[in-house]
Amino acid sequence: MPTLADVAKRANVSKMTVSRVINHPEQVTDELKELVFTAMAELDYRPNIAAKALVSNRSQIIKLFILEEIDTTEPYYMNLLMGIAKRIGKEHYSLQLVTNDAFDVGSCDGYIITGVRERDFDWINRLEKPVVLFGENRMGYDYVDSDNQYGTAKATQYALEVGYQTVVYIGIDEAEPFELSREAGYLKVMEEAGLIPRMLRFDNHSTTPEKYITEHWDEFTDKTCFVCSSDRLALGIVRGITQVGGQLPEQFGVIGFDGVFLDQISSPKLTTVKQDIIRMGEVCGEMLLKKISEKGASQGYRHFFPELIIRETTRKR
């Protein structure tokens, strides 16, 4: 097994320099890091993570809390996990997943928390390690999220541009920041266009909006587009329209929000506002690592502009 001394010899530096590159890379130049990392790769040297944790007085563990029910048929959270793990792995950190029905056992150096609702802040406020949220909040916590208002505004604007005369917003029945921001994007465009908004809210499942469409079909006229707060809701709307004989996309349009998986397997293929979940996961990890190294200093927030992906459930320009 190659040793730290072997790496130092190959890189032509001291053992102390190798140790500093491994344990405190922010304290050395990029040139030194490149020399040492190249030597480590050539020798297939892997640092003793336990020893590193002991030296730095850290656990080298980051915990990801998922505070909502996980749908194992949809890889939304797998993409998030991949993004976080990819980034923190570069700093020799391990990721520990904790779900909402598990206990927080053992030490860690920081937390990434997603699926947060207002009721959760009581216990989050008591956490003693740095915290970054995946999902916008109005409680002052550092977070990473899509620009939710931008996403639905872009979807609503597109629906009007391609000739739909009525745009109905299908929201998630939760008064949480991400949902309020998505609603705000829709309302802003409708106000600017001088149109009367219509908003319906459901639990984030496909069956309820599907049933609503079939039972209230006579309330919707031709050239109506449904801008939805999730792909799940959008799939329910698509199924409802198809069930009653409505024609997509000429008569009716549907736009989802997420673009992680369901949009790709739907039939017809779903137009959606696509979030870059993997990249946002990477930035969650990056932000938390920086916060840990800066002893809990605030990192603010990062918004990512989602992309409108045009497929088969809307007209094309």
C-alpha atoms as a PDB file:
ATOM      1  CA  MET A   1       0.000   0.000   0.000  1.00  0.00           C
ATOM      2  CA  PRO A   2       1.437   3.414  -0.924  1.00  0.00           C
ATOM      3  CA  THR A   3       2.043   5.750   2.007  1.00  0.00           C
ATOM      4  CA  LEU A   4       1.905   9.478   2.497  1.00  0.00           C
ATOM      5  CA  ALA A   5       5.719   9.472   2.310  1.00  0.00           C
ATOM      6  CA  ASP A   6       5.538   7.799  -1.103  1.00  0.00           C
ATOM      7  CA  VAL A   7       3.209  10.528  -2.345  1.00  0.00           C
ATOM      8  CA  ALA A   8       5.532  13.218  -1.001  1.00  0.00           C
ATOM      9  CA  LYS A   9       8.496  11.642  -2.757  1.00  0.00           C
ATOM     10  CA  ARG A  10       6.636  11.292  -6.079  1.00  0.00           C
ATOM     11  CA  ALA A  11       5.407  14.923  -5.913  1.00  0.00           C
ATOM     12  CA  ASN A  12       8.803  16.144  -4.699  1.00  0.00           C
ATOM     13  CA  VAL A  13       7.292  17.920  -1.707  1.00  0.00           C
ATOM     14  CA  SER A  14       7.337  17.385   2.046  1.00  0.00           C
ATOM     15  CA  LYS A  15       4.991  15.068   3.913  1.00  0.00           C
ATOM     16  CA  MET A  16       3.616  18.137   5.705  1.00  0.00           C
ATOM     17  CA  THR A  17       2.656  19.644   2.346  1.00  0.00           C
ATOM     18  CA  VAL A  18       0.858  16.449   1.300  1.00  0.00           C
ATOM     19  CA  SER A  19      -0.987  16.428   4.622  1.00  0.00           C
ATOM     20  CA  ARG A  20      -2.006  20.053   4.174  1.00  0.00           C
ATOM     21  CA  VAL A  21      -3.292  19.395   0.647  1.00  0.00           C
ATOM     22  CA  ILE A  22      -5.425  16.512   1.943  1.00  0.00           C
ATOM     23  CA  ASN A  23      -6.704  18.117   5.128  1.00  0.00           C
ATOM     24  CA  HIS A  24      -6.716  21.834   4.294  1.00  0.00           C
ATOM     25  CA  PRO A  25      -6.747  22.228   0.490  1.00  0.00           C
ATOM     26  CA  GLU A  26      -7.968  25.814   0.833  1.00  0.00           C
ATOM     27  CA  GLN A  27      -4.598  26.735   2.381  1.00  0.00           C
ATOM     28  CA  VAL A  28      -2.395  25.683  -0.554  1.00  0.00           C
ATOM     29  CA  THR A  29      -1.958  26.879  -4.126  1.00  0.00           C
ATOM     30  CA  ASP A  30      -3.605  25.229  -7.107  1.00  0.00           C
ATOM     31  CA  GLU A  31      -0.142  24.296  -8.401  1.00  0.00           C
ATOM     32  CA  LEU A  32       0.691  22.373  -5.227  1.00  0.00           C
ATOM     33  CA  LYS A  33      -2.705  20.666  -5.222  1.00  0.00           C
ATOM     34  CA  GLU A  34      -2.215  19.539  -8.802  1.00  0.00           C
ATOM     35  CA  LEU A  35       1.237  18.105  -8.002  1.00  0.00           C
ATOM     36  CA  VAL A  36      -0.016  16.161  -4.993  1.00  0.00           C
ATOM     37  CA  PHE A  37      -3.279  14.971  -6.537  1.00  0.00           C
ATOM     38  CA  THR A  38      -1.412  13.760  -9.628  1.00  0.00           C
ATOM     39  CA  ALA A  39       1.021  11.813  -7.439  1.00  0.00           C
ATOM     40  CA  MET A  40      -1.874  10.335  -5.465  1.00  0.00           C
ATOM     41  CA  ALA A  41      -3.584   9.219  -8.678  1.00  0.00           C
ATOM     42  CA  GLU A  42      -0.404   7.677 -10.098  1.00  0.00           C
ATOM     43  CA  LEU A  43       0.199   5.710  -6.888  1.00  0.00           C
ATOM     44  CA  ASP A  44      -3.500   4.944  -6.318  1.00  0.00           C
ATOM     45  CA  TYR A  45      -3.101   6.448  -2.854  1.00  0.00           C
ATOM     46  CA  ARG A  46      -6.273   6.878  -0.821  1.00  0.00           C
ATOM     47  CA  PRO A  47      -6.171   9.080   2.292  1.00  0.00           C
ATOM     48  CA  ASN A  48      -7.122   7.594   5.635  1.00  0.00           C
ATOM     49  CA  ILE A  49     -10.455   9.331   6.081  1.00  0.00           C
ATOM     50  CA  ALA A  50     -10.722   8.322   9.726  1.00  0.00           C
ATOM     51  CA  ALA A  51      -7.353   9.915  10.411  1.00  0.00           C
ATOM     52  CA  LYS A  52      -8.363  13.029   8.487  1.00  0.00           C
ATOM     53  CA  ALA A  53     -11.530  13.322  10.566  1.00  0.00           C
ATOM     54  CA  LEU A  54      -9.505  12.945  13.750  1.00  0.00           C
ATOM     55  CA  VAL A  55      -7.038  15.650  12.709  1.00  0.00           C
ATOM     56  CA  SER A  56      -9.766  18.112  11.704  1.00  0.00           C
ATOM     57  CA  ASN A  57     -12.067  17.235  14.622  1.00  0.00           C
ATOM     58  CA  ARG A  58     -14.821  16.444  12.131  1.00  0.00           C
ATOM     59  CA  SER A  59     -16.895  13.370  11.364  1.00  0.00           C
ATOM     60  CA  GLN A  60     -16.572  13.724   7.557  1.00  0.00           C
ATOM     61  CA  ILE A  61     -20.302  12.976   7.377  1.00  0.00           C
ATOM     62  CA  ILE A  62     -23.058  15.159   5.925  1.00  0.00           C
ATOM     63  CA  LYS A  63     -26.670  14.225   6.563  1.00  0.00           C
ATOM     64  CA  LEU A  64     -29.425  14.658   4.001  1.00  0.00           C
ATOM     65  CA  PHE A  65     -32.882  14.866   5.559  1.00  0.00           C
ATOM     66  CA  ILE A  66     -35.823  14.158   3.239  1.00  0.00           C
ATOM     67  CA  LEU A  67     -38.895  15.336   5.127  1.00  0.00           C
ATOM     68  CA  GLU A  68     -41.574  14.131   2.748  1.00  0.00           C
ATOM     69  CA  GLU A  69     -42.720  10.797   1.441  1.00  0.00           C
ATOM     70  CA  ILE A  70     -40.375   9.407  -1.205  1.00  0.00           C
ATOM     71  CA  ASP A  71     -41.946   8.116  -4.419  1.00  0.00           C
ATOM     72  CA  THR A  72     -39.637   5.264  -5.407  1.00  0.00           C
ATOM     73  CA  THR A  73     -41.053   5.224  -8.945  1.00  0.00           C
ATOM     74  CA  GLU A  74     -39.667   8.682  -9.640  1.00  0.00           C
ATOM     75  CA  PRO A  75     -35.899   9.421  -9.550  1.00  0.00           C
ATOM     76  CA  TYR A  76     -36.257  13.024  -8.342  1.00  0.00           C
ATOM     77  CA  TYR A  77     -34.407  12.399  -5.107  1.00  0.00           C
ATOM     78  CA  MET A  78     -31.911  10.044  -6.704  1.00  0.00           C
ATOM     79  CA  ASN A  79     -30.820  12.929  -8.916  1.00  0.00           C
ATOM     80  CA  LEU A  80     -30.497  15.145  -5.850  1.00  0.00           C
ATOM     81  CA  LEU A  81     -28.472  12.476  -4.031  1.00  0.00           C
ATOM     82  CA  MET A  82     -26.170  12.058  -7.026  1.00  0.00           C
ATOM     83  CA  GLY A  83     -25.521  15.777  -7.221  1.00  0.00           C
ATOM     84  CA  ILE A  84     -24.762  16.171  -3.512  1.00  0.00           C
ATOM     85  CA  ALA A  85     -22.613  13.031  -3.312  1.00  0.00           C
ATOM     86  CA  LYS A  86     -20.647  14.045  -6.401  1.00  0.00           C
ATOM     87  CA  ARG A  87     -19.649  17.349  -4.830  1.00  0.00           C
ATOM     88  CA  ILE A  88     -18.976  16.353  -1.225  1.00  0.00           C
ATOM     89  CA  GLY A  89     -17.117  13.216  -2.313  1.00  0.00           C
ATOM     90  CA  LYS A  90     -14.377  15.439  -3.711  1.00  0.00           C
ATOM     91  CA  GLU A  91     -13.720  16.579  -0.123  1.00  0.00           C
ATOM     92  CA  HIS A  92     -13.784  12.982   1.194  1.00  0.00           C
ATOM     93  CA  TYR A  93     -17.183  13.375   2.834  1.00  0.00           C
ATOM     94  CA  SER A  94     -19.777  10.621   3.147  1.00  0.00           C
ATOM     95  CA  LEU A  95     -23.501  11.244   2.718  1.00  0.00           C
ATOM     96  CA  GLN A  96     -25.994   9.787   5.191  1.00  0.00           C
ATOM     97  CA  LEU A  97     -29.665   9.706   4.214  1.00  0.00           C
ATOM     98  CA  VAL A  98     -32.274  10.276   6.926  1.00  0.00           C
ATOM     99  CA  THR A  99     -35.975  10.061   6.037  1.00  0.00           C
ATOM    100  CA  ASN A 100     -38.907  11.557   7.901  1.00  0.00           C
ATOM    101  CA  ASP A 101     -39.683   8.332   9.773  1.00  0.00           C
ATOM    102  CA  ALA A 102     -36.112   7.748  11.015  1.00  0.00           C
ATOM    103  CA  PHE A 103     -34.128   8.999  14.001  1.00  0.00           C
ATOM    104  CA  ASP A 104     -31.167  11.328  13.723  1.00  0.00           C
ATOM    105  CA  VAL A 105     -28.469   9.149  15.286  1.00  0.00           C
ATOM    106  CA  GLY A 106     -24.741   9.863  15.330  1.00  0.00           C
ATOM    107  CA  SER A 107     -22.624  12.915  14.649  1.00  0.00           C
ATOM    108  CA  CYS A 108     -22.182  14.886  11.434  1.00  0.00           C
ATOM    109  CA  ASP A 109     -20.596  18.118  10.260  1.00  0.00           C
ATOM    110  CA  GLY A 110     -23.683  19.617   8.656  1.00  0.00           C
ATOM    111  CA  TYR A 111     -27.166  19.077   7.252  1.00  0.00           C
ATOM    112  CA  ILE A 112     -28.869  19.419   3.873  1.00  0.00           C
ATOM    113  CA  ILE A 113     -32.646  19.339   4.362  1.00  0.00           C
ATOM    114  CA  THR A 114     -35.359  19.082   1.720  1.00  0.00           C
ATOM    115  CA  GLY A 115     -39.124  18.835   1.832  1.00  0.00           C
ATOM    116  CA  VAL A 116     -39.224  21.404   4.640  1.00  0.00           C
ATOM    117  CA  ARG A 117     -42.592  22.722   5.753  1.00  0.00           C
ATOM    118  CA  GLU A 118     -43.281  25.568   8.170  1.00  0.00           C
ATOM    119  CA  ARG A 119     -43.896  23.152  11.052  1.00  0.00           C
ATOM    120  CA  ASP A 120     -40.343  21.780  10.708  1.00  0.00           C
ATOM    121  CA  PHE A 121     -38.522  24.969  11.644  1.00  0.00           C
ATOM    122  CA  ASP A 122     -39.038  24.422  15.378  1.00  0.00           C
ATOM    123  CA  TRP A 123     -36.580  21.508  15.399  1.00  0.00           C
ATOM    124  CA  ILE A 124     -34.389  22.833  12.585  1.00  0.00           C
ATOM    125  CA  ASN A 125     -33.757  25.925  14.707  1.00  0.00           C
ATOM    126  CA  ARG A 126     -32.290  23.662  17.384  1.00  0.00           C
ATOM    127  CA  LEU A 127     -29.697  22.006  15.140  1.00  0.00           C
ATOM    128  CA  GLU A 128     -26.166  22.856  16.240  1.00  0.00           C
ATOM    129  CA  LYS A 129     -24.381  22.157  12.934  1.00  0.00           C
ATOM    130  CA  PRO A 130     -24.510  24.212   9.693  1.00  0.00           C
ATOM    131  CA  VAL A 131     -27.689  23.805   7.643  1.00  0.00           C
ATOM    132  CA  VAL A 132     -28.504  24.355   3.960  1.00  0.00           C
ATOM    133  CA  LEU A 133     -32.028  23.810   2.638  1.00  0.00           C
ATOM    134  CA  PHE A 134     -32.921  22.435  -0.767  1.00  0.00           C
ATOM    135  CA  GLY A 135     -35.997  24.525  -1.439  1.00  0.00           C
ATOM    136  CA  GLU A 136     -36.689  28.193  -0.921  1.00  0.00           C
ATOM    137  CA  ASN A 137     -37.759  29.433   2.488  1.00  0.00           C
ATOM    138  CA  ARG A 138     -38.640  32.721   4.154  1.00  0.00           C
ATOM    139  CA  MET A 139     -37.045  31.992   7.511  1.00  0.00           C
ATOM    140  CA  GLY A 140     -33.572  33.249   6.628  1.00  0.00           C
ATOM    141  CA  TYR A 141     -31.917  29.868   6.030  1.00  0.00           C
ATOM    142  CA  ASP A 142     -29.369  29.407   3.250  1.00  0.00           C
ATOM    143  CA  TYR A 143     -30.955  27.538   0.367  1.00  0.00           C
ATOM    144  CA  VAL A 144     -30.723  26.334  -3.215  1.00  0.00           C
ATOM    145  CA  ASP A 145     -33.745  26.144  -5.524  1.00  0.00           C
ATOM    146  CA  SER A 146     -35.091  26.823  -8.977  1.00  0.00           C
ATOM    147  CA  ASP A 147     -36.464  30.277  -9.641  1.00  0.00           C
ATOM    148  CA  ASN A 148     -40.039  29.054  -9.239  1.00  0.00           C
ATOM    149  CA  GLN A 149     -41.693  32.331 -10.191  1.00  0.00           C
ATOM    150  CA  TYR A 150     -39.643  32.532 -13.382  1.00  0.00           C
ATOM    151  CA  GLY A 151     -40.586  28.963 -14.314  1.00  0.00           C
ATOM    152  CA  THR A 152     -44.351  29.363 -14.219  1.00  0.00           C
ATOM    153  CA  ALA A 153     -44.160  32.847 -15.721  1.00  0.00           C
ATOM    154  CA  LYS A 154     -42.258  31.416 -18.675  1.00  0.00           C
ATOM    155  CA  ALA A 155     -44.781  28.586 -19.067  1.00  0.00           C
ATOM    156  CA  THR A 156     -47.760  30.970 -18.892  1.00  0.00           C
ATOM    157  CA  GLN A 157     -46.211  33.386 -21.366  1.00  0.00           C
ATOM    158  CA  TYR A 158     -45.513  30.565 -23.816  1.00  0.00           C
ATOM    159  CA  ALA A 159     -49.106  29.319 -23.594  1.00  0.00           C
ATOM    160  CA  LEU A 160     -50.384  32.759 -24.572  1.00  0.00           C
ATOM    161  CA  GLU A 161     -47.825  33.199 -27.338  1.00  0.00           C
ATOM    162  CA  VAL A 162     -48.903  29.989 -29.115  1.00  0.00           C
ATOM    163  CA  GLY A 163     -52.569  30.978 -29.152  1.00  0.00           C
ATOM    164  CA  TYR A 164     -54.255  29.554 -26.082  1.00  0.00           C
ATOM    165  CA  GLN A 165     -56.872  32.088 -25.045  1.00  0.00           C
ATOM    166  CA  THR A 166     -57.429  30.847 -21.487  1.00  0.00           C
ATOM    167  CA  VAL A 167     -54.704  29.736 -19.079  1.00  0.00           C
ATOM    168  CA  VAL A 168     -55.683  27.861 -15.925  1.00  0.00           C
ATOM    169  CA  TYR A 169     -53.203  27.311 -13.094  1.00  0.00           C
ATOM    170  CA  ILE A 170     -53.222  23.908 -11.371  1.00  0.00           C
ATOM    171  CA  GLY A 171     -51.402  24.258  -8.051  1.00  0.00           C
ATOM    172  CA  ILE A 172     -50.319  22.106  -5.135  1.00  0.00           C
ATOM    173  CA  ASP A 173     -52.592  22.638  -2.153  1.00  0.00           C
ATOM    174  CA  GLU A 174     -49.879  23.849   0.227  1.00  0.00           C
ATOM    175  CA  ALA A 175     -49.163  27.438   1.280  1.00  0.00           C
ATOM    176  CA  GLU A 176     -45.398  26.900   1.092  1.00  0.00           C
ATOM    177  CA  PRO A 177     -42.844  29.313  -0.425  1.00  0.00           C
ATOM    178  CA  PHE A 178     -42.139  27.274  -3.565  1.00  0.00           C
ATOM    179  CA  GLU A 179     -45.840  27.017  -4.359  1.00  0.00           C
ATOM    180  CA  LEU A 180     -46.543  30.664  -3.615  1.00  0.00           C
ATOM    181  CA  SER A 181     -43.682  31.652  -5.917  1.00  0.00           C
ATOM    182  CA  ARG A 182     -45.015  29.462  -8.736  1.00  0.00           C
ATOM    183  CA  GLU A 183     -48.461  30.982  -8.330  1.00  0.00           C
ATOM    184  CA  ALA A 184     -46.932  34.461  -8.369  1.00  0.00           C
ATOM    185  CA  GLY A 185     -45.269  33.801 -11.723  1.00  0.00           C
ATOM    186  CA  TYR A 186     -48.586  32.793 -13.268  1.00  0.00           C
ATOM    187  CA  LEU A 187     -50.488  35.720 -11.745  1.00  0.00           C
ATOM    188  CA  LYS A 188     -47.899  38.238 -12.896  1.00  0.00           C
ATOM    189  CA  VAL A 189     -48.156  37.220 -16.559  1.00  0.00           C
ATOM    190  CA  MET A 190     -51.952  37.050 -16.464  1.00  0.00           C
ATOM    191  CA  GLU A 191     -52.142  40.534 -14.960  1.00  0.00           C
ATOM    192  CA  GLU A 192     -49.764  41.943 -17.551  1.00  0.00           C
ATOM    193  CA  ALA A 193     -51.875  40.357 -20.313  1.00  0.00           C
ATOM    194  CA  GLY A 194     -55.086  41.799 -18.859  1.00  0.00           C
ATOM    195  CA  LEU A 195     -56.571  38.317 -18.395  1.00  0.00           C
ATOM    196  CA  ILE A 196     -58.642  36.955 -15.524  1.00  0.00           C
ATOM    197  CA  PRO A 197     -56.715  34.224 -13.675  1.00  0.00           C
ATOM    198  CA  ARG A 198     -58.263  30.914 -12.681  1.00  0.00           C
ATOM    199  CA  MET A 199     -56.499  28.773 -10.105  1.00  0.00           C
ATOM    200  CA  LEU A 200     -57.275  25.284  -8.827  1.00  0.00           C
ATOM    201  CA  ARG A 201     -55.329  23.487  -6.083  1.00  0.00           C
ATOM    202  CA  PHE A 202     -55.013  19.767  -5.387  1.00  0.00           C
ATOM    203  CA  ASP A 203     -52.868  17.345  -3.432  1.00  0.00           C
ATOM    204  CA  ASN A 204     -49.755  16.526  -5.434  1.00  0.00           C
ATOM    205  CA  HIS A 205     -51.145  13.355  -7.026  1.00  0.00           C
ATOM    206  CA  SER A 206     -52.438  12.713 -10.521  1.00  0.00           C
ATOM    207  CA  THR A 207     -55.770  11.073  -9.651  1.00  0.00           C
ATOM    208  CA  THR A 208     -57.485  14.107  -8.105  1.00  0.00           C
ATOM    209  CA  PRO A 209     -57.010  16.545 -11.010  1.00  0.00           C
ATOM    210  CA  GLU A 210     -57.923  13.767 -13.452  1.00  0.00           C
ATOM    211  CA  LYS A 211     -61.217  13.240 -11.641  1.00  0.00           C
ATOM    212  CA  TYR A 212     -61.861  16.982 -11.460  1.00  0.00           C
ATOM    213  CA  ILE A 213     -61.424  17.396 -15.222  1.00  0.00           C
ATOM    214  CA  THR A 214     -63.817  14.562 -16.038  1.00  0.00           C
ATOM    215  CA  GLU A 215     -66.458  15.860 -13.613  1.00  0.00           C
ATOM    216  CA  HIS A 216     -66.192  19.544 -14.634  1.00  0.00           C
ATOM    217  CA  TRP A 217     -65.397  19.190 -18.320  1.00  0.00           C
ATOM    218  CA  ASP A 218     -68.201  21.498 -19.406  1.00  0.00           C
ATOM    219  CA  GLU A 219     -66.468  24.367 -17.563  1.00  0.00           C
ATOM    220  CA  PHE A 220     -63.477  24.395 -19.936  1.00  0.00           C
ATOM    221  CA  THR A 221     -63.550  25.821 -23.442  1.00  0.00           C
ATOM    222  CA  ASP A 222     -61.370  25.199 -26.478  1.00  0.00           C
ATOM    223  CA  LYS A 223     -57.966  26.916 -26.588  1.00  0.00           C
ATOM    224  CA  THR A 224     -57.363  26.430 -22.855  1.00  0.00           C
ATOM    225  CA  CYS A 225     -53.904  25.627 -21.496  1.00  0.00           C
ATOM    226  CA  PHE A 226     -53.309  24.214 -18.010  1.00  0.00           C
ATOM    227  CA  VAL A 227     -50.084  25.393 -16.343  1.00  0.00           C
ATOM    228  CA  CYS A 228     -49.338  22.935 -13.550  1.00  0.00           C
ATOM    229  CA  SER A 229     -47.167  23.136 -10.448  1.00  0.00           C
ATOM    230  CA  SER A 230     -45.821  19.588 -10.928  1.00  0.00           C
ATOM    231  CA  ASP A 231     -45.583  16.893 -13.557  1.00  0.00           C
ATOM    232  CA  ARG A 232     -47.784  14.650 -11.424  1.00  0.00           C
ATOM    233  CA  LEU A 233     -50.630  17.163 -11.556  1.00  0.00           C
ATOM    234  CA  ALA A 234     -50.041  17.656 -15.272  1.00  0.00           C
ATOM    235  CA  LEU A 235     -50.293  13.926 -15.972  1.00  0.00           C
ATOM    236  CA  GLY A 236     -53.647  13.857 -14.210  1.00  0.00           C
ATOM    237  CA  ILE A 237     -54.896  16.736 -16.354  1.00  0.00           C
ATOM    238  CA  VAL A 238     -53.670  14.994 -19.526  1.00  0.00           C
ATOM    239  CA  ARG A 239     -55.443  11.768 -18.568  1.00  0.00           C
ATOM    240  CA  GLY A 240     -58.640  13.643 -17.760  1.00  0.00           C
ATOM    241  CA  ILE A 241     -58.638  15.497 -21.090  1.00  0.00           C
ATOM    242  CA  THR A 242     -57.939  12.278 -22.995  1.00  0.00           C
ATOM    243  CA  GLN A 243     -60.679  10.419 -21.124  1.00  0.00           C
ATOM    244  CA  VAL A 244     -63.382  12.919 -22.113  1.00  0.00           C
ATOM    245  CA  GLY A 245     -62.222  13.155 -25.724  1.00  0.00           C
ATOM    246  CA  GLY A 246     -60.409  16.481 -25.666  1.00  0.00           C
ATOM    247  CA  GLN A 247     -57.719  16.982 -28.299  1.00  0.00           C
ATOM    248  CA  LEU A 248     -54.124  17.757 -27.328  1.00  0.00           C
ATOM    249  CA  PRO A 249     -52.457  20.029 -28.230  1.00  0.00           C
ATOM    250  CA  GLU A 250     -54.679  21.970 -30.643  1.00  0.00           C
ATOM    251  CA  GLN A 251     -57.768  22.262 -28.461  1.00  0.00           C
ATOM    252  CA  PHE A 252     -56.070  22.055 -25.080  1.00  0.00           C
ATOM    253  CA  GLY A 253     -52.540  22.383 -23.760  1.00  0.00           C
ATOM    254  CA  VAL A 254     -50.823  21.111 -20.611  1.00  0.00           C
ATOM    255  CA  ILE A 255     -47.492  22.211 -19.091  1.00  0.00           C
ATOM    256  CA  GLY A 256     -45.909  20.492 -16.076  1.00  0.00           C
ATOM    257  CA  PHE A 257     -43.113  21.460 -13.708  1.00  0.00           C
ATOM    258  CA  ASP A 258     -40.107  19.294 -12.696  1.00  0.00           C
ATOM    259  CA  GLY A 259     -38.864  17.509 -15.832  1.00  0.00           C
ATOM    260  CA  VAL A 260     -37.151  14.699 -13.963  1.00  0.00           C
ATOM    261  CA  PHE A 261     -38.850  11.508 -15.159  1.00  0.00           C
ATOM    262  CA  LEU A 262     -42.629  11.520 -15.505  1.00  0.00           C
ATOM    263  CA  ASP A 263     -42.516  13.962 -18.400  1.00  0.00           C
ATOM    264  CA  GLN A 264     -40.453  11.486 -20.421  1.00  0.00           C
ATOM    265  CA  ILE A 265     -42.682   8.423 -19.951  1.00  0.00           C
ATOM    266  CA  SER A 266     -46.055  10.107 -20.397  1.00  0.00           C
ATOM    267  CA  SER A 267     -48.076   9.634 -23.554  1.00  0.00           C
ATOM    268  CA  PRO A 268     -48.260  12.088 -25.199  1.00  0.00           C
ATOM    269  CA  LYS A 269     -44.870  13.422 -24.104  1.00  0.00           C
ATOM    270  CA  LEU A 270     -45.349  16.220 -21.598  1.00  0.00           C
ATOM    271  CA  THR A 271     -44.253  19.816 -22.087  1.00  0.00           C
ATOM    272  CA  THR A 272     -42.640  20.825 -18.797  1.00  0.00           C
ATOM    273  CA  VAL A 273     -40.542  23.323 -16.885  1.00  0.00           C
ATOM    274  CA  LYS A 274     -37.368  21.326 -16.278  1.00  0.00           C
ATOM    275  CA  GLN A 275     -35.298  21.731 -13.104  1.00  0.00           C
ATOM    276  CA  ASP A 276     -31.600  20.817 -13.095  1.00  0.00           C
ATOM    277  CA  ILE A 277     -31.800  18.734  -9.916  1.00  0.00           C
ATOM    278  CA  ILE A 278     -28.336  17.184 -10.198  1.00  0.00           C
ATOM    279  CA  ARG A 279     -26.626  20.545 -10.580  1.00  0.00           C
ATOM    280  CA  MET A 280     -28.643  22.023  -7.724  1.00  0.00           C
ATOM    281  CA  GLY A 281     -27.609  19.061  -5.570  1.00  0.00           C
ATOM    282  CA  GLU A 282     -23.969  19.787  -6.354  1.00  0.00           C
ATOM    283  CA  VAL A 283     -24.426  23.403  -5.300  1.00  0.00           C
ATOM    284  CA  CYS A 284     -26.150  22.334  -2.056  1.00  0.00           C
ATOM    285  CA  GLY A 285     -23.049  20.300  -1.246  1.00  0.00           C
ATOM    286  CA  GLU A 286     -20.717  23.105  -2.305  1.00  0.00           C
ATOM    287  CA  MET A 287     -22.582  25.667  -0.211  1.00  0.00           C
ATOM    288  CA  LEU A 288     -22.625  23.465   2.898  1.00  0.00           C
ATOM    289  CA  LEU A 289     -18.913  22.621   2.616  1.00  0.00           C
ATOM    290  CA  LYS A 290     -18.117  26.313   2.420  1.00  0.00           C
ATOM    291  CA  LYS A 291     -20.368  27.008   5.388  1.00  0.00           C
ATOM    292  CA  ILE A 292     -18.613  24.296   7.409  1.00  0.00           C
ATOM    293  CA  SER A 293     -15.171  25.662   6.544  1.00  0.00           C
ATOM    294  CA  GLU A 294     -16.319  29.169   7.491  1.00  0.00           C
ATOM    295  CA  LYS A 295     -17.676  28.020  10.865  1.00  0.00           C
ATOM    296  CA  GLY A 296     -21.332  28.451   9.989  1.00  0.00           C
ATOM    297  CA  ALA A 297     -21.147  31.798   8.173  1.00  0.00           C
ATOM    298  CA  SER A 298     -24.248  32.573   6.115  1.00  0.00           C
ATOM    299  CA  GLN A 299     -24.019  31.664   2.415  1.00  0.00           C
ATOM    300  CA  GLY A 300     -27.271  33.245   1.191  1.00  0.00           C
ATOM    301  CA  TYR A 301     -29.203  31.522  -1.576  1.00  0.00           C
ATOM    302  CA  ARG A 302     -28.758  30.311  -5.150  1.00  0.00           C
ATOM    303  CA  HIS A 303     -31.540  30.370  -7.732  1.00  0.00           C
ATOM    304  CA  PHE A 304     -31.364  28.407 -10.984  1.00  0.00           C
ATOM    305  CA  PHE A 305     -33.448  29.287 -14.022  1.00  0.00           C
ATOM    306  CA  PRO A 306     -35.452  26.225 -15.101  1.00  0.00           C
ATOM    307  CA  GLU A 307     -35.843  25.445 -18.807  1.00  0.00           C
ATOM    308  CA  LEU A 308     -39.138  25.160 -20.667  1.00  0.00           C
ATOM    309  CA  ILE A 309     -39.052  21.911 -22.670  1.00  0.00           C
ATOM    310  CA  ILE A 310     -41.635  21.842 -25.475  1.00  0.00           C
ATOM    311  CA  ARG A 311     -43.047  18.416 -26.273  1.00  0.00           C
ATOM    312  CA  GLU A 312     -46.417  17.018 -27.406  1.00  0.00           C
ATOM    313  CA  THR A 313     -48.930  18.496 -24.946  1.00  0.00           C
ATOM    314  CA  THR A 314     -48.672  22.080 -26.228  1.00  0.00           C
ATOM    315  CA  ARG A 315     -48.737  23.781 -29.575  1.00  0.00           C
ATOM    316  CA  LYS A 316     -45.417  24.748 -31.087  1.00  0.00           C
ATOM    317  CA  ARG A 317     -44.457  28.194 -32.307  1.00  0.00           C
END
